[in-house]
Amino acid sequence: MRDIPPIHPGHILADQYLAELGLSQRKLAELLDVPPRRVNQIIKGERAITPDTSLRLGKLFGQSDTFWLNLQKHYEIEIARETSDLSRVQVLKDVG
């Protein structure tokens, strides 16, 4: 188990982008052309970054299309590592 919990991309968005740029959630939603509720739920960690949102954020911030989606997938795999019981899953050694 990790000492530092996984960080949801919404927290990164809030702390490293909105705060740094002085953007409100409402203004970000306007710039992305999405409902403010979507931005709010992402920032609160209640909603995942979807491919559509990743495309929009990437374009807005001059990043790759997959930057935010990769953050989301990394977050999800870290959560799965902490919560999944893989003790009964064996490594397949001989396929054929």
Protein backbone atom coordinates (compact mmCIF):
# COMPACT_ATOMS: atom_id res chain seq x y z
CA MET A 1 0.00 0.00 0.00
CA ARG A 2 1.17 3.53 -0.80
CA ASP A 3 1.83 6.25 1.74
CA ILE A 4 0.40 8.87 -0.60
CA PRO A 5 -3.11 8.24 -1.91
CA PRO A 6 -3.74 8.45 -5.66
CA ILE A 7 -4.66 11.93 -6.85
CA HIS A 8 -7.77 12.37 -8.96
CA PRO A 9 -7.17 14.41 -12.13
CA GLY A 10 -9.79 16.88 -10.93
CA HIS A 11 -7.56 17.86 -8.03
CA ILE A 12 -4.67 18.39 -10.43
CA LEU A 13 -6.93 20.49 -12.63
CA ALA A 14 -8.01 22.63 -9.68
CA ASP A 15 -4.63 23.04 -8.00
CA GLN A 16 -2.24 23.25 -10.93
CA TYR A 17 -4.40 24.88 -13.57
CA LEU A 18 -7.40 26.79 -12.22
CA ALA A 19 -5.59 28.19 -9.18
CA GLU A 20 -2.43 29.02 -11.13
CA LEU A 21 -4.34 30.71 -13.96
CA GLY A 22 -6.93 32.37 -11.74
CA LEU A 23 -9.80 30.61 -13.53
CA SER A 24 -13.13 29.85 -11.91
CA GLN A 25 -14.91 26.58 -12.53
CA ARG A 26 -17.61 28.49 -14.38
CA LYS A 27 -15.10 30.20 -16.66
CA LEU A 28 -13.39 26.87 -17.38
CA ALA A 29 -16.75 25.33 -18.29
CA GLU A 30 -17.41 28.25 -20.62
CA LEU A 31 -14.00 27.90 -22.28
CA LEU A 32 -14.51 24.15 -22.70
CA ASP A 33 -18.12 24.56 -23.88
CA VAL A 34 -19.40 22.09 -21.28
CA PRO A 35 -21.93 22.40 -18.46
CA PRO A 36 -20.49 23.89 -15.23
CA ARG A 37 -21.75 20.83 -13.35
CA ARG A 38 -19.34 18.62 -15.33
CA VAL A 39 -16.35 20.73 -14.30
CA ASN A 40 -17.53 20.85 -10.68
CA GLN A 41 -17.96 17.08 -10.48
CA ILE A 42 -14.52 16.50 -12.01
CA ILE A 43 -12.87 18.90 -9.58
CA LYS A 44 -14.60 17.25 -6.62
CA GLY A 45 -13.40 13.83 -7.83
CA GLU A 46 -16.96 12.66 -8.41
CA ARG A 47 -16.65 12.31 -12.17
CA ALA A 48 -13.99 10.75 -14.36
CA ILE A 49 -12.22 12.48 -17.21
CA THR A 50 -13.85 11.16 -20.39
CA PRO A 51 -12.28 11.10 -23.85
CA ASP A 52 -14.41 14.12 -24.78
CA THR A 53 -13.25 16.10 -21.75
CA SER A 54 -9.64 15.07 -22.36
CA LEU A 55 -9.86 16.38 -25.93
CA ARG A 56 -11.30 19.69 -24.73
CA LEU A 57 -8.79 20.17 -21.91
CA GLY A 58 -5.91 19.18 -24.17
CA LYS A 59 -6.91 21.71 -26.79
CA LEU A 60 -7.47 24.47 -24.22
CA PHE A 61 -4.13 23.97 -22.48
CA GLY A 62 -2.10 23.04 -25.57
CA GLN A 63 -1.57 19.43 -24.54
CA SER A 64 -1.97 16.10 -26.28
CA ASP A 65 -5.45 14.68 -26.77
CA THR A 66 -4.68 11.92 -24.28
CA PHE A 67 -2.93 13.88 -21.51
CA TRP A 68 -5.94 14.10 -19.19
CA LEU A 69 -7.24 10.67 -20.10
CA ASN A 70 -3.85 9.20 -19.17
CA LEU A 71 -4.03 10.94 -15.78
CA GLN A 72 -7.48 9.41 -15.26
CA LYS A 73 -6.35 5.91 -16.21
CA HIS A 74 -3.29 6.18 -13.97
CA TYR A 75 -5.55 7.23 -11.08
CA GLU A 76 -7.92 4.33 -11.74
CA ILE A 77 -5.15 1.71 -11.91
CA GLU A 78 -3.69 2.97 -8.62
CA ILE A 79 -7.11 2.66 -6.96
CA ALA A 80 -7.48 -0.84 -8.42
CA ARG A 81 -4.04 -1.84 -7.10
CA GLU A 82 -5.16 -0.85 -3.62
CA THR A 83 -8.55 -2.53 -3.74
CA SER A 84 -8.20 -5.60 -5.98
CA ASP A 85 -7.47 -9.02 -4.55
CA LEU A 86 -5.33 -10.79 -7.13
CA SER A 87 -4.12 -13.54 -4.81
CA ARG A 88 -6.06 -16.25 -6.68
CA VAL A 89 -5.01 -15.10 -10.15
CA GLN A 90 -2.14 -17.13 -11.50
CA VAL A 91 0.39 -16.24 -14.17
CA LEU A 92 -0.26 -18.14 -17.39
CA LYS A 93 3.04 -19.78 -18.29
CA ASP A 94 2.29 -22.05 -21.24
CA VAL A 95 -0.17 -20.90 -23.84
CA GLY A 96 0.29 -23.54 -26.42
